[in-house]
Amino acid sequence: MAAVESNDAQHPPASRPGTRPLLSVLLALTLLSGLIDAVCYLGLGRVFTANMTGNVVVLGFAAAGAPGFSVTASLTSLGLFLAGAVAGGRLGARLSRRSRMLFTAIVLEAIFVAAAATVAFAASTVATGWARYTTIAILAFSMGIRNAVIRRLAVPDMTTTVLTGTLTGLAAESFLAGRSNDRAGRRIGSVLAMLAGAIAGAWLFLHHGAGLPLAISAGAAALTVVAAVTTRTAAYLDSK
């Protein structure tokens, strides 16, 4: 215990070896959330598969009869996200090493998103019919797994899908509020990553359809795992 405390004293939380690689992994996942949800909202009929806060609001719009929104599509996304979260919770319970838990979740995400890309390439459209609901189900399930694992890791301000708390912390702990905002860098990084992902996803969808951005997302998730394995991310996670 003394050795651990000594190591923590030498390396504060923001500078300990492995912290930056882990934050880079989580920022990459945040970017992918923006990319995937851009494709889903624009291409799958105004539904989210990563941001469930937005999806609940969209469900409310659909339930009220607002045109262009679907109760069935929103409920499909919510239901499969919750199923994925259950699977992610069981995954976390079975894997004692935090690094293996994270790496497994990202590998599964790469596989599921690749499957969704395959559906998008194979179907004439993902805006209606079986392809729409299949794509929603696959993506929502994978995002549920990821969110359950990220929640278990509990890295402050790095949820990878929701920015409300991040933006609140950025403002509430800023110099304007009389605080030092020690985590401003990661908070700003999260916001910019989500924004960049949304811009990229929207542009790719508008110019190339749903298949290409989803394929890129799957490839990026796979590369993220490789980067995480080859850095100090695992050692940092498993030391906590």
Protein backbone atom coordinates (compact mmCIF):
# COMPACT_ATOMS: atom_id res chain seq x y z
CA MET A 1 0.00 0.00 0.00
CA ALA A 2 2.85 2.34 0.88
CA ALA A 3 4.42 1.72 -2.51
CA VAL A 4 1.18 2.58 -4.24
CA GLU A 5 0.77 5.75 -2.19
CA SER A 6 4.36 6.73 -2.95
CA ASN A 7 3.82 6.18 -6.65
CA ASP A 8 0.63 8.26 -6.58
CA ALA A 9 2.47 11.04 -4.79
CA GLN A 10 5.19 11.08 -7.44
CA HIS A 11 2.65 10.99 -10.26
CA PRO A 12 -0.51 13.04 -9.68
CA PRO A 13 -3.67 11.65 -11.37
CA ALA A 14 -3.35 13.94 -14.38
CA SER A 15 0.30 13.06 -15.04
CA ARG A 16 0.74 9.41 -14.03
CA PRO A 17 2.19 7.21 -16.79
CA GLY A 18 -0.69 5.79 -18.82
CA THR A 19 -3.12 8.62 -18.10
CA ARG A 20 -2.66 10.36 -21.43
CA PRO A 21 -2.91 7.14 -23.50
CA LEU A 22 -6.14 6.25 -21.69
CA LEU A 23 -7.58 9.72 -22.25
CA SER A 24 -6.60 9.47 -25.92
CA VAL A 25 -8.51 6.18 -26.19
CA LEU A 26 -11.57 7.71 -24.57
CA LEU A 27 -11.36 10.78 -26.79
CA ALA A 28 -11.24 8.51 -29.84
CA LEU A 29 -14.38 6.74 -28.61
CA THR A 30 -16.05 10.11 -28.06
CA LEU A 31 -15.26 11.10 -31.64
CA LEU A 32 -16.75 7.80 -32.86
CA SER A 33 -19.91 8.49 -30.85
CA GLY A 34 -20.37 11.75 -32.71
CA LEU A 35 -19.69 10.10 -36.04
CA ILE A 36 -22.06 7.17 -35.46
CA ASP A 37 -24.89 9.29 -34.07
CA ALA A 38 -24.59 11.70 -37.01
CA VAL A 39 -25.15 8.78 -39.37
CA CYS A 40 -28.01 7.46 -37.24
CA TYR A 41 -29.84 10.75 -36.88
CA LEU A 42 -29.47 11.76 -40.51
CA GLY A 43 -29.76 8.33 -42.10
CA LEU A 44 -31.91 6.18 -39.84
CA GLY A 45 -34.79 8.58 -39.32
CA ARG A 46 -33.89 10.93 -36.47
CA VAL A 47 -32.82 8.35 -33.92
CA PHE A 48 -29.72 8.14 -31.75
CA THR A 49 -27.90 4.95 -30.80
CA ALA A 50 -25.15 6.35 -28.56
CA ASN A 51 -26.73 9.37 -26.87
CA MET A 52 -29.72 8.01 -24.99
CA THR A 53 -30.54 11.41 -23.47
CA GLY A 54 -31.25 12.69 -26.95
CA ASN A 55 -33.05 9.49 -27.81
CA VAL A 56 -35.48 9.84 -24.91
CA VAL A 57 -36.26 13.39 -26.08
CA VAL A 58 -36.73 12.11 -29.65
CA LEU A 59 -39.06 9.42 -28.32
CA GLY A 60 -41.10 12.17 -26.69
CA PHE A 61 -41.34 14.01 -30.00
CA ALA A 62 -42.47 10.81 -31.72
CA ALA A 63 -45.01 10.00 -29.02
CA ALA A 64 -46.48 13.49 -29.37
CA GLY A 65 -46.96 12.90 -33.10
CA ALA A 66 -44.24 15.20 -34.42
CA PRO A 67 -43.62 14.42 -38.10
CA GLY A 68 -40.41 12.67 -39.07
CA PHE A 69 -39.94 10.80 -35.77
CA SER A 70 -40.68 7.14 -35.04
CA VAL A 71 -41.75 5.64 -31.73
CA THR A 72 -40.82 2.17 -32.98
CA ALA A 73 -37.33 3.18 -34.07
CA SER A 74 -36.68 5.07 -30.82
CA LEU A 75 -37.92 2.18 -28.69
CA THR A 76 -35.79 -0.24 -30.70
CA SER A 77 -32.73 1.85 -30.00
CA LEU A 78 -33.54 2.25 -26.30
CA GLY A 79 -34.35 -1.44 -25.84
CA LEU A 80 -31.23 -2.73 -27.57
CA PHE A 81 -29.07 -0.15 -25.79
CA LEU A 82 -30.35 -1.41 -22.45
CA ALA A 83 -29.74 -5.01 -23.54
CA GLY A 84 -26.20 -4.05 -24.50
CA ALA A 85 -25.72 -2.32 -21.15
CA VAL A 86 -26.78 -5.54 -19.40
CA ALA A 87 -24.25 -7.45 -21.49
CA GLY A 88 -21.61 -4.85 -20.67
CA GLY A 89 -22.41 -5.14 -16.98
CA ARG A 90 -22.00 -8.90 -17.11
CA LEU A 91 -18.77 -8.45 -19.03
CA GLY A 92 -17.45 -6.18 -16.31
CA ALA A 93 -18.44 -8.67 -13.63
CA ARG A 94 -16.64 -11.54 -15.37
CA LEU A 95 -13.40 -9.73 -16.20
CA SER A 96 -11.39 -8.70 -13.19
CA ARG A 97 -8.80 -6.70 -15.14
CA ARG A 98 -10.05 -3.26 -16.10
CA SER A 99 -7.87 -3.15 -19.20
CA ARG A 100 -9.26 -6.42 -20.55
CA MET A 101 -12.77 -5.15 -19.90
CA LEU A 102 -12.15 -1.97 -21.92
CA PHE A 103 -10.29 -3.69 -24.74
CA THR A 104 -12.98 -6.37 -25.07
CA ALA A 105 -15.72 -3.73 -25.25
CA ILE A 106 -13.90 -1.84 -28.01
CA VAL A 107 -13.24 -5.03 -29.98
CA LEU A 108 -16.93 -5.91 -29.74
CA GLU A 109 -17.80 -2.40 -30.86
CA ALA A 110 -15.55 -2.74 -33.91
CA ILE A 111 -17.23 -6.04 -34.80
CA PHE A 112 -20.77 -4.77 -34.34
CA VAL A 113 -20.19 -1.52 -36.20
CA ALA A 114 -18.57 -3.49 -39.04
CA ALA A 115 -21.71 -5.64 -39.14
CA ALA A 116 -23.86 -2.50 -39.32
CA ALA A 117 -21.68 -1.19 -42.15
CA THR A 118 -22.18 -4.48 -43.99
CA VAL A 119 -25.95 -4.09 -43.68
CA ALA A 120 -25.73 -0.50 -44.92
CA PHE A 121 -23.67 -1.53 -47.95
CA ALA A 122 -25.94 -4.49 -48.73
CA ALA A 123 -29.27 -2.65 -48.47
CA SER A 124 -30.55 -0.16 -50.99
CA THR A 125 -31.38 2.18 -48.09
CA VAL A 126 -31.13 2.21 -44.30
CA ALA A 127 -33.86 4.83 -43.98
CA THR A 128 -36.70 2.29 -43.97
CA GLY A 129 -37.50 -1.38 -43.59
CA TRP A 130 -35.43 -4.23 -42.21
CA ALA A 131 -32.09 -2.52 -42.86
CA ARG A 132 -33.08 0.48 -40.75
CA TYR A 133 -34.10 -1.55 -37.71
CA THR A 134 -31.25 -4.01 -38.06
CA THR A 135 -28.71 -1.19 -38.18
CA ILE A 136 -30.31 0.58 -35.21
CA ALA A 137 -30.35 -2.65 -33.19
CA ILE A 138 -26.72 -3.53 -33.90
CA LEU A 139 -25.38 -0.05 -33.17
CA ALA A 140 -27.49 0.53 -30.06
CA PHE A 141 -26.46 -2.83 -28.61
CA SER A 142 -22.78 -2.10 -29.16
CA MET A 143 -23.12 1.37 -27.63
CA GLY A 144 -24.85 -0.14 -24.61
CA ILE A 145 -21.90 -2.46 -24.02
CA ARG A 146 -19.43 0.38 -24.35
CA ASN A 147 -21.35 2.72 -22.04
CA ALA A 148 -21.64 0.08 -19.32
CA VAL A 149 -17.89 -0.52 -19.42
CA ILE A 150 -17.01 3.18 -19.51
CA ARG A 151 -19.31 3.76 -16.55
CA ARG A 152 -17.50 1.04 -14.63
CA LEU A 153 -14.13 2.66 -15.38
CA ALA A 154 -15.48 5.98 -14.04
CA VAL A 155 -12.92 8.30 -15.60
CA PRO A 156 -14.06 11.84 -14.69
CA ASP A 157 -15.53 13.88 -17.57
CA MET A 158 -14.93 11.06 -20.07
CA THR A 159 -18.29 9.36 -20.58
CA THR A 160 -17.66 9.20 -24.39
CA THR A 161 -21.35 9.78 -25.23
CA VAL A 162 -22.84 12.54 -23.01
CA LEU A 163 -21.50 16.08 -22.74
CA THR A 164 -23.97 17.77 -20.40
CA GLY A 165 -21.94 17.08 -17.27
CA THR A 166 -18.72 17.86 -19.09
CA LEU A 167 -19.96 21.26 -20.22
CA THR A 168 -21.36 21.97 -16.77
CA GLY A 169 -18.00 21.20 -15.19
CA LEU A 170 -16.20 23.32 -17.76
CA ALA A 171 -18.32 26.36 -16.84
CA ALA A 172 -18.90 25.73 -13.12
CA GLU A 173 -15.20 25.17 -12.40
CA SER A 174 -13.87 27.91 -14.67
CA PHE A 175 -12.05 31.03 -13.54
CA LEU A 176 -15.33 32.90 -14.04
CA ALA A 177 -16.72 30.81 -11.18
CA GLY A 178 -13.60 31.36 -9.10
CA ARG A 179 -12.20 27.88 -9.69
CA SER A 180 -9.03 26.57 -11.33
CA ASN A 181 -10.71 23.98 -13.64
CA ASP A 182 -7.89 21.44 -13.49
CA ARG A 183 -9.63 19.16 -15.98
CA ALA A 184 -10.39 21.84 -18.56
CA GLY A 185 -8.17 20.16 -21.15
CA ARG A 186 -10.00 16.85 -21.16
CA ARG A 187 -13.37 18.58 -21.01
CA ILE A 188 -12.63 20.77 -24.01
CA GLY A 189 -11.13 17.76 -25.76
CA SER A 190 -14.31 15.75 -25.23
CA VAL A 191 -16.49 18.51 -26.67
CA LEU A 192 -14.23 19.00 -29.68
CA ALA A 193 -13.96 15.26 -30.29
CA MET A 194 -17.74 14.84 -30.30
CA LEU A 195 -18.13 17.86 -32.58
CA ALA A 196 -15.45 16.65 -34.98
CA GLY A 197 -17.04 13.22 -35.12
CA ALA A 198 -20.47 14.68 -35.82
CA ILE A 199 -19.09 16.89 -38.60
CA ALA A 200 -17.19 14.00 -40.17
CA GLY A 201 -20.15 11.63 -39.87
CA ALA A 202 -22.59 14.12 -41.35
CA TRP A 203 -20.27 14.98 -44.26
CA LEU A 204 -19.53 11.34 -45.04
CA PHE A 205 -23.20 10.37 -44.88
CA LEU A 206 -24.35 13.27 -47.05
CA HIS A 207 -21.73 12.52 -49.71
CA HIS A 208 -21.27 8.75 -49.49
CA GLY A 209 -24.24 7.24 -47.65
CA ALA A 210 -24.27 5.28 -44.39
CA GLY A 211 -21.96 2.39 -45.27
CA LEU A 212 -18.66 4.27 -45.58
CA PRO A 213 -18.78 6.25 -42.31
CA LEU A 214 -19.80 3.12 -40.41
CA ALA A 215 -16.96 1.16 -42.01
CA ILE A 216 -14.54 3.93 -41.07
CA SER A 217 -15.89 3.86 -37.50
CA ALA A 218 -15.32 0.12 -37.27
CA GLY A 219 -11.77 0.47 -38.57
CA ALA A 220 -11.07 3.36 -36.21
CA ALA A 221 -12.33 1.31 -33.25
CA ALA A 222 -10.01 -1.53 -34.24
CA LEU A 223 -7.07 0.86 -34.49
CA THR A 224 -8.00 2.30 -31.10
CA VAL A 225 -7.65 -1.15 -29.54
CA VAL A 226 -4.25 -1.62 -31.15
CA ALA A 227 -3.11 1.77 -29.89
CA ALA A 228 -4.37 1.01 -26.40
CA VAL A 229 -2.63 -2.36 -26.26
CA THR A 230 0.69 -0.95 -27.41
CA THR A 231 0.76 1.90 -24.88
CA ARG A 232 0.71 2.08 -21.08
CA THR A 233 -3.08 2.12 -20.99
CA ALA A 234 -3.39 -1.42 -19.63
CA ALA A 235 -0.80 -0.95 -16.89
CA TYR A 236 -2.47 2.28 -15.79
CA LEU A 237 -5.97 0.78 -15.69
CA ASP A 238 -4.90 -2.37 -13.87
CA SER A 239 -2.94 -0.42 -11.26
CA LYS A 240 -6.07 1.34 -9.98
